[in-house]
């Protein structure tokens, strides 16, 4: 089956699409590399804090509240099922 475009125009069109896709891909990779280069200190700092447990000391209150709310919810569901 022959292309409706002449062979030379078809190759040029395909080449344009390839160049465009590589440019988009390259911009995405460059953007991600730039993002991690700029914000790498924040990521490593947070990882260090999580390893030391400094943040973990402040969170049990939240987790306990979530567990209490969940138990309260489960109790309401259990009472509704009994009825």
Protein backbone atom coordinates (compact mmCIF):
# COMPACT_ATOMS: atom_id res chain seq x y z
CA UNK A 1 0.00 0.00 0.00
CA UNK A 2 1.54 3.29 -1.04
CA UNK A 3 1.55 6.35 1.11
CA UNK A 4 -0.62 9.27 0.05
CA UNK A 5 2.37 11.58 0.62
CA UNK A 6 5.38 11.43 -1.62
CA UNK A 7 8.23 9.40 -0.10
CA UNK A 8 10.36 12.45 0.74
CA UNK A 9 7.53 14.30 2.52
CA UNK A 10 6.63 11.14 4.43
CA UNK A 11 10.20 10.78 5.70
CA UNK A 12 10.33 14.46 6.68
CA UNK A 13 7.07 14.15 8.58
CA UNK A 14 8.30 11.06 10.42
CA UNK A 15 11.60 12.75 11.21
CA UNK A 16 9.75 15.78 12.61
CA UNK A 17 7.69 13.56 14.91
CA UNK A 18 10.80 11.77 16.14
CA UNK A 19 12.63 15.02 16.81
CA UNK A 20 9.60 16.44 18.63
CA UNK A 21 9.20 13.35 20.79
CA UNK A 22 12.91 13.31 21.69
CA UNK A 23 12.78 17.00 22.57
CA UNK A 24 9.81 16.46 24.85
CA UNK A 25 11.46 13.45 26.45
CA UNK A 26 14.71 15.39 26.87
CA UNK A 27 12.92 18.31 28.50
CA UNK A 28 11.21 15.96 30.94
CA UNK A 29 14.50 14.29 31.88
CA UNK A 30 16.25 17.66 32.23
CA UNK A 31 13.41 18.95 34.39
CA UNK A 32 13.54 15.94 36.69
CA UNK A 33 17.32 16.17 36.99
CA UNK A 34 17.02 19.88 37.80
CA UNK A 35 14.32 19.22 40.36
CA UNK A 36 16.37 16.60 42.16
CA UNK A 37 19.49 18.73 41.95
CA UNK A 38 17.72 21.68 43.59
CA UNK A 39 15.66 19.80 46.16
CA UNK A 40 18.06 16.95 46.96
CA UNK A 41 19.02 18.55 50.28
CA UNK A 42 15.40 18.60 51.43
CA UNK A 43 14.88 14.96 50.54
CA UNK A 44 18.05 13.77 52.28
CA UNK A 45 17.30 15.99 55.29
CA UNK A 46 13.82 14.47 55.67
CA UNK A 47 15.25 10.96 55.34
CA UNK A 48 17.81 11.73 58.04
CA UNK A 49 15.11 13.06 60.36
CA UNK A 50 12.95 9.99 59.78
CA UNK A 51 15.89 7.70 60.56
CA UNK A 52 16.70 9.49 63.80
CA UNK A 53 13.11 9.41 64.95
CA UNK A 54 12.83 13.11 65.70
CA UNK A 55 9.57 13.35 63.78
CA UNK A 56 8.29 10.04 65.12
CA UNK A 57 8.23 11.45 68.65
CA UNK A 58 5.60 14.02 67.65
CA UNK A 59 3.33 11.67 65.71
CA UNK A 60 2.03 9.09 68.21
CA UNK A 61 -0.62 11.52 69.41
CA UNK A 62 -2.02 11.75 65.93
CA UNK A 63 -1.90 8.01 65.43
CA UNK A 64 -3.58 7.39 68.74
CA UNK A 65 -6.38 9.78 67.79
CA UNK A 66 -6.83 8.02 64.47
CA UNK A 67 -6.98 4.65 66.21
CA UNK A 68 -9.50 5.99 68.73
CA UNK A 69 -11.67 7.37 65.94
CA UNK A 70 -11.45 4.08 64.07
CA UNK A 71 -12.45 2.12 67.17
CA UNK A 72 -15.37 4.47 67.72
CA UNK A 73 -16.47 4.01 64.10
CA UNK A 74 -16.12 0.22 64.34
CA UNK A 75 -18.20 0.24 67.52
CA UNK A 76 -21.00 2.14 65.79
CA UNK A 77 -20.95 -0.30 62.87
CA UNK A 78 -20.98 -3.28 65.22
CA UNK A 79 -23.95 -1.85 67.12
CA UNK A 80 -25.79 -1.20 63.86
CA UNK A 81 -25.18 -4.78 62.73
CA UNK A 82 -26.57 -6.15 65.99
CA UNK A 83 -29.83 -4.25 65.59
